[in-house]
Amino acid sequence: MNAAIHKPTVKTPWCSVIIPVLNEASILKQQIRTLSDTLPATGIEIILVDGGSDDDTFRIAGALGCRIIASARGRARQMNTGAAHARGSYLYFLHLDTSPPSDWVKILFSAIQEETHPLTFRLRFSGQEDSPLLRFYSWCSQFDVDAFRYGDQSLLVRREDFLAVGGFREDHRLMEGHDLIRRLRRRTGRLTVHPAAVTTSSRRYVEYGVVFTQAIFTLIYLLYRVGVPQRQLAAIHNWAFRR
């Protein structure tokens, strides 16, 4: 448990990219290679936090040169575990099925230099060119409104601020990124939404339908904001997407 099987040989990084994974062998190699192709030679480490995969995720991650950390399952718990093992002064939380813009390293470094963090990105969906509704949802993500802030937009945060607000709430099975951003905003007094976009997979929208999927996400958000317990939110999510 919590044992790294690969240790980078570069100097202490200024930023740690933390990615929770669970049985992601099918997409892991391509995603990490795409991410690594845009990395500088030193200064950033990639940490994959595995929540108990029973496929080849662990082996592939080690072969790709990432730090791979074992954790109890649960995205919030996995990201907290990654943060605890991170060596960077800044943490960049990223979902595996989300790709940052090609100049993401430059953007993160500029945000640190200019103190415009915490920082998140606009969101675009893969294949959104074929869907007016997905393009509309993407357009909405540019606005600094709580309803449009979610973990799949990724997040850069100073370690000190992350620890000060208590990290991700591990009792959250859903909305953990939204909750963290709200607490960080209260602490720092700001949140920067960068005009560049991360690209996230639209596979769920394709499988279940754009209108149905967004309706479920909207319902979960509204119920969350009025205090509906996590177990009930998770039950709705599971009913909608595991039928």
Protein backbone atom coordinates (compact mmCIF):
# COMPACT_ATOMS: atom_id res chain seq x y z
CA MET A 1 0.00 0.00 0.00
CA ASN A 2 1.23 3.49 -0.89
CA ALA A 3 4.46 2.13 -2.38
CA ALA A 4 6.01 3.74 -5.42
CA ILE A 5 7.49 1.28 -7.88
CA HIS A 6 9.28 3.90 -9.92
CA LYS A 7 11.27 6.85 -8.62
CA PRO A 8 12.21 9.69 -10.94
CA THR A 9 15.89 10.63 -11.10
CA VAL A 10 15.32 14.31 -11.94
CA LYS A 11 15.71 17.17 -9.49
CA THR A 12 12.90 18.10 -7.13
CA PRO A 13 9.94 19.14 -9.31
CA TRP A 14 8.15 22.45 -9.07
CA CYS A 15 4.84 20.82 -9.99
CA SER A 16 3.31 17.39 -9.44
CA VAL A 17 0.65 16.15 -11.85
CA ILE A 18 -1.72 13.85 -9.93
CA ILE A 19 -3.96 11.48 -11.88
CA PRO A 20 -6.32 8.96 -10.20
CA VAL A 21 -6.67 5.69 -12.12
CA LEU A 22 -8.64 2.46 -11.85
CA ASN A 23 -8.46 -0.28 -14.48
CA GLU A 24 -7.31 2.12 -17.18
CA ALA A 25 -4.86 -0.13 -19.03
CA SER A 26 -6.76 0.31 -22.31
CA ILE A 27 -6.12 4.07 -22.52
CA LEU A 28 -3.22 4.59 -20.13
CA LYS A 29 -0.31 4.23 -22.56
CA GLN A 30 -1.59 6.65 -25.16
CA GLN A 31 -2.76 9.23 -22.64
CA ILE A 32 0.46 9.30 -20.65
CA ARG A 33 2.64 9.38 -23.75
CA THR A 34 0.64 12.31 -25.09
CA LEU A 35 1.09 14.09 -21.77
CA SER A 36 4.79 13.25 -21.53
CA ASP A 37 5.49 14.52 -25.05
CA THR A 38 4.73 18.05 -23.85
CA LEU A 39 6.81 17.88 -20.66
CA PRO A 40 10.13 19.66 -20.23
CA ALA A 41 13.15 17.52 -19.37
CA THR A 42 12.91 18.37 -15.68
CA GLY A 43 10.63 20.17 -13.30
CA ILE A 44 7.38 18.17 -13.43
CA GLU A 45 6.56 14.73 -12.10
CA ILE A 46 3.57 12.59 -13.06
CA ILE A 47 1.98 10.59 -10.26
CA LEU A 48 -0.65 7.97 -11.01
CA VAL A 49 -2.68 6.92 -7.99
CA ASP A 50 -4.17 3.47 -8.46
CA GLY A 51 -7.35 2.60 -6.61
CA GLY A 52 -6.95 -1.18 -6.80
CA SER A 53 -6.79 -2.05 -10.49
CA ASP A 54 -6.92 -5.72 -11.44
CA ASP A 55 -5.68 -5.16 -15.00
CA ASP A 56 -2.22 -4.09 -16.25
CA THR A 57 -2.49 -0.48 -15.07
CA PHE A 58 0.29 -0.81 -12.48
CA ARG A 59 2.73 -2.50 -14.86
CA ILE A 60 2.10 -0.11 -17.73
CA ALA A 61 2.42 2.97 -15.51
CA GLY A 62 5.77 1.80 -14.17
CA ALA A 63 7.04 1.07 -17.67
CA LEU A 64 6.07 4.59 -18.77
CA GLY A 65 8.26 6.16 -16.11
CA CYS A 66 5.50 7.53 -13.89
CA ARG A 67 5.42 7.31 -10.16
CA ILE A 68 2.67 4.85 -9.36
CA ILE A 69 1.12 4.92 -5.89
CA ALA A 70 -1.34 2.40 -4.48
CA SER A 71 -4.33 3.81 -2.65
CA ALA A 72 -7.70 2.83 -1.26
CA ARG A 73 -10.39 3.28 -3.91
CA GLY A 74 -12.28 6.55 -4.32
CA ARG A 75 -11.25 9.49 -6.48
CA ALA A 76 -11.05 12.01 -3.61
CA ARG A 77 -9.03 9.59 -1.49
CA GLN A 78 -6.74 8.74 -4.39
CA MET A 79 -6.01 12.38 -5.15
CA ASN A 80 -5.29 13.12 -1.49
CA THR A 81 -2.91 10.16 -1.45
CA GLY A 82 -1.17 11.51 -4.52
CA ALA A 83 -0.85 14.94 -2.92
CA ALA A 84 0.68 13.37 0.20
CA HIS A 85 3.40 11.75 -1.95
CA ALA A 86 3.93 14.71 -4.29
CA ARG A 87 7.25 16.52 -4.21
CA GLY A 88 6.18 19.67 -6.03
CA SER A 89 5.19 22.93 -4.34
CA TYR A 90 2.27 23.06 -6.77
CA LEU A 91 -0.25 20.33 -7.52
CA TYR A 92 -2.04 19.83 -10.83
CA PHE A 93 -5.00 17.45 -10.57
CA LEU A 94 -5.97 15.85 -13.87
CA HIS A 95 -8.37 13.09 -14.90
CA LEU A 96 -6.91 10.44 -17.18
CA ASP A 97 -9.56 10.91 -19.86
CA THR A 98 -8.87 14.66 -19.99
CA SER A 99 -6.07 16.15 -22.10
CA PRO A 100 -4.67 19.61 -21.28
CA PRO A 101 -3.86 22.11 -24.05
CA SER A 102 -0.55 21.62 -25.83
CA ASP A 103 1.06 24.56 -24.00
CA TRP A 104 -0.21 23.52 -20.58
CA VAL A 105 3.23 23.56 -18.97
CA LYS A 106 3.77 27.18 -20.02
CA ILE A 107 0.29 28.11 -18.78
CA LEU A 108 0.85 26.52 -15.37
CA PHE A 109 4.27 28.13 -14.99
CA SER A 110 2.86 31.56 -15.91
CA ALA A 111 0.02 31.14 -13.40
CA ILE A 112 2.57 30.45 -10.69
CA GLN A 113 4.80 33.38 -11.68
CA GLU A 114 1.84 35.77 -11.92
CA GLU A 115 0.05 34.33 -8.86
CA THR A 116 -3.17 33.70 -10.79
CA HIS A 117 -3.80 30.38 -9.08
CA PRO A 118 -5.86 28.40 -8.23
CA LEU A 119 -6.35 27.88 -11.95
CA THR A 120 -8.70 25.75 -13.98
CA PHE A 121 -9.49 25.57 -17.69
CA ARG A 122 -12.40 25.86 -20.02
CA LEU A 123 -13.82 22.53 -21.08
CA ARG A 124 -14.29 21.07 -24.53
CA PHE A 125 -15.58 17.62 -25.41
CA SER A 126 -14.05 15.23 -27.89
CA GLY A 127 -16.18 15.20 -31.02
CA GLN A 128 -18.19 18.24 -29.96
CA GLU A 129 -18.08 19.52 -33.54
CA ASP A 130 -20.93 17.11 -34.27
CA SER A 131 -23.10 18.20 -31.35
CA PRO A 132 -24.54 21.72 -30.90
CA LEU A 133 -25.45 20.88 -27.30
CA LEU A 134 -21.92 19.81 -26.39
CA ARG A 135 -20.59 22.97 -28.00
CA PHE A 136 -23.04 24.95 -25.87
CA TYR A 137 -21.93 23.21 -22.67
CA SER A 138 -18.34 23.88 -23.67
CA TRP A 139 -19.12 27.57 -24.22
CA CYS A 140 -20.72 27.84 -20.77
CA SER A 141 -17.54 26.58 -19.07
CA GLN A 142 -15.73 29.87 -19.76
CA PHE A 143 -17.81 31.69 -17.17
CA ASP A 144 -16.65 31.91 -13.56
CA VAL A 145 -19.83 30.39 -12.13
CA ASP A 146 -19.86 27.61 -9.54
CA ALA A 147 -22.33 25.54 -11.56
CA PHE A 148 -19.72 25.19 -14.33
CA ARG A 149 -16.77 24.13 -12.17
CA TYR A 150 -15.92 20.41 -12.08
CA GLY A 151 -12.91 18.18 -11.64
CA ASP A 152 -12.66 17.21 -15.30
CA GLN A 153 -11.57 20.78 -16.06
CA SER A 154 -8.37 20.03 -14.09
CA LEU A 155 -6.98 22.23 -11.32
CA LEU A 156 -3.66 23.86 -10.44
CA VAL A 157 -3.28 24.73 -6.77
CA ARG A 158 -0.47 25.65 -4.44
CA ARG A 159 0.23 22.81 -2.00
CA GLU A 160 -0.01 25.21 0.93
CA ASP A 161 -3.53 26.25 -0.07
CA PHE A 162 -4.58 22.66 -0.76
CA LEU A 163 -3.48 21.56 2.71
CA ALA A 164 -4.98 24.62 4.39
CA VAL A 165 -8.48 23.78 3.16
CA GLY A 166 -8.11 20.10 4.04
CA GLY A 167 -7.74 18.67 0.54
CA PHE A 168 -10.52 16.72 -1.12
CA ARG A 169 -13.35 15.58 1.11
CA GLU A 170 -13.05 11.82 1.18
CA ASP A 171 -16.70 11.38 2.12
CA HIS A 172 -17.55 12.73 -1.34
CA ARG A 173 -18.16 10.11 -4.02
CA LEU A 174 -19.34 12.83 -6.40
CA MET A 175 -18.75 16.59 -6.69
CA GLU A 176 -15.40 16.41 -4.89
CA GLY A 177 -13.72 18.75 -7.39
CA HIS A 178 -16.56 21.26 -7.27
CA ASP A 179 -16.45 21.25 -3.46
CA LEU A 180 -12.67 21.77 -3.35
CA ILE A 181 -12.79 24.70 -5.77
CA ARG A 182 -15.42 26.46 -3.67
CA ARG A 183 -13.30 26.11 -0.54
CA LEU A 184 -10.16 27.26 -2.34
CA ARG A 185 -11.98 30.31 -3.66
CA ARG A 186 -13.01 31.24 -0.11
CA ARG A 187 -9.42 30.92 1.09
CA THR A 188 -7.62 32.68 -1.74
CA GLY A 189 -10.33 35.08 -2.85
CA ARG A 190 -9.93 34.09 -6.49
CA LEU A 191 -10.11 31.42 -9.16
CA THR A 192 -8.70 31.85 -12.65
CA VAL A 193 -10.55 30.19 -15.53
CA HIS A 194 -7.99 30.08 -18.33
CA PRO A 195 -9.35 30.76 -21.82
CA ALA A 196 -7.54 27.68 -23.18
CA ALA A 197 -9.51 24.44 -23.00
CA VAL A 198 -8.83 20.96 -21.76
CA THR A 199 -10.44 18.22 -23.85
CA THR A 200 -12.37 15.52 -22.05
CA SER A 201 -13.89 12.34 -23.39
CA SER A 202 -17.50 12.54 -24.53
CA ARG A 203 -17.93 8.75 -24.41
CA ARG A 204 -20.60 8.90 -21.70
CA TYR A 205 -22.59 11.48 -23.65
CA VAL A 206 -22.32 9.31 -26.75
CA GLU A 207 -23.36 6.15 -24.92
CA TYR A 208 -26.29 7.54 -22.94
CA GLY A 209 -27.31 10.55 -24.99
CA VAL A 210 -26.33 14.18 -24.56
CA VAL A 211 -29.65 15.42 -23.18
CA PHE A 212 -30.09 12.55 -20.72
CA THR A 213 -26.50 12.71 -19.49
CA GLN A 214 -26.53 16.45 -18.93
CA ALA A 215 -29.93 16.24 -17.24
CA ILE A 216 -28.54 13.73 -14.74
CA PHE A 217 -25.48 15.88 -14.07
CA THR A 218 -27.68 18.95 -13.56
CA LEU A 219 -29.99 17.05 -11.22
CA ILE A 220 -27.06 15.79 -9.15
CA TYR A 221 -25.61 19.30 -8.92
CA LEU A 222 -28.90 20.82 -7.76
CA LEU A 223 -29.53 18.07 -5.22
CA TYR A 224 -25.97 18.42 -3.94
CA ARG A 225 -26.36 22.15 -3.42
CA VAL A 226 -29.51 21.64 -1.33
CA GLY A 227 -27.74 19.09 0.87
CA VAL A 228 -28.87 15.69 -0.41
CA PRO A 229 -26.51 13.03 1.06
CA GLN A 230 -23.74 11.55 -1.05
CA ARG A 231 -25.18 8.03 -0.92
CA GLN A 232 -28.38 9.24 -2.59
CA LEU A 233 -26.45 11.19 -5.23
CA ALA A 234 -24.37 8.10 -5.93
CA ALA A 235 -27.51 5.97 -6.23
CA ILE A 236 -28.89 8.32 -8.88
CA HIS A 237 -25.57 8.29 -10.73
CA ASN A 238 -25.34 4.51 -10.63
CA TRP A 239 -28.92 4.07 -11.80
CA ALA A 240 -28.39 6.45 -14.71
CA PHE A 241 -25.04 5.20 -15.98
CA ARG A 242 -24.90 1.50 -15.09
CA ARG A 243 -28.19 0.36 -16.54
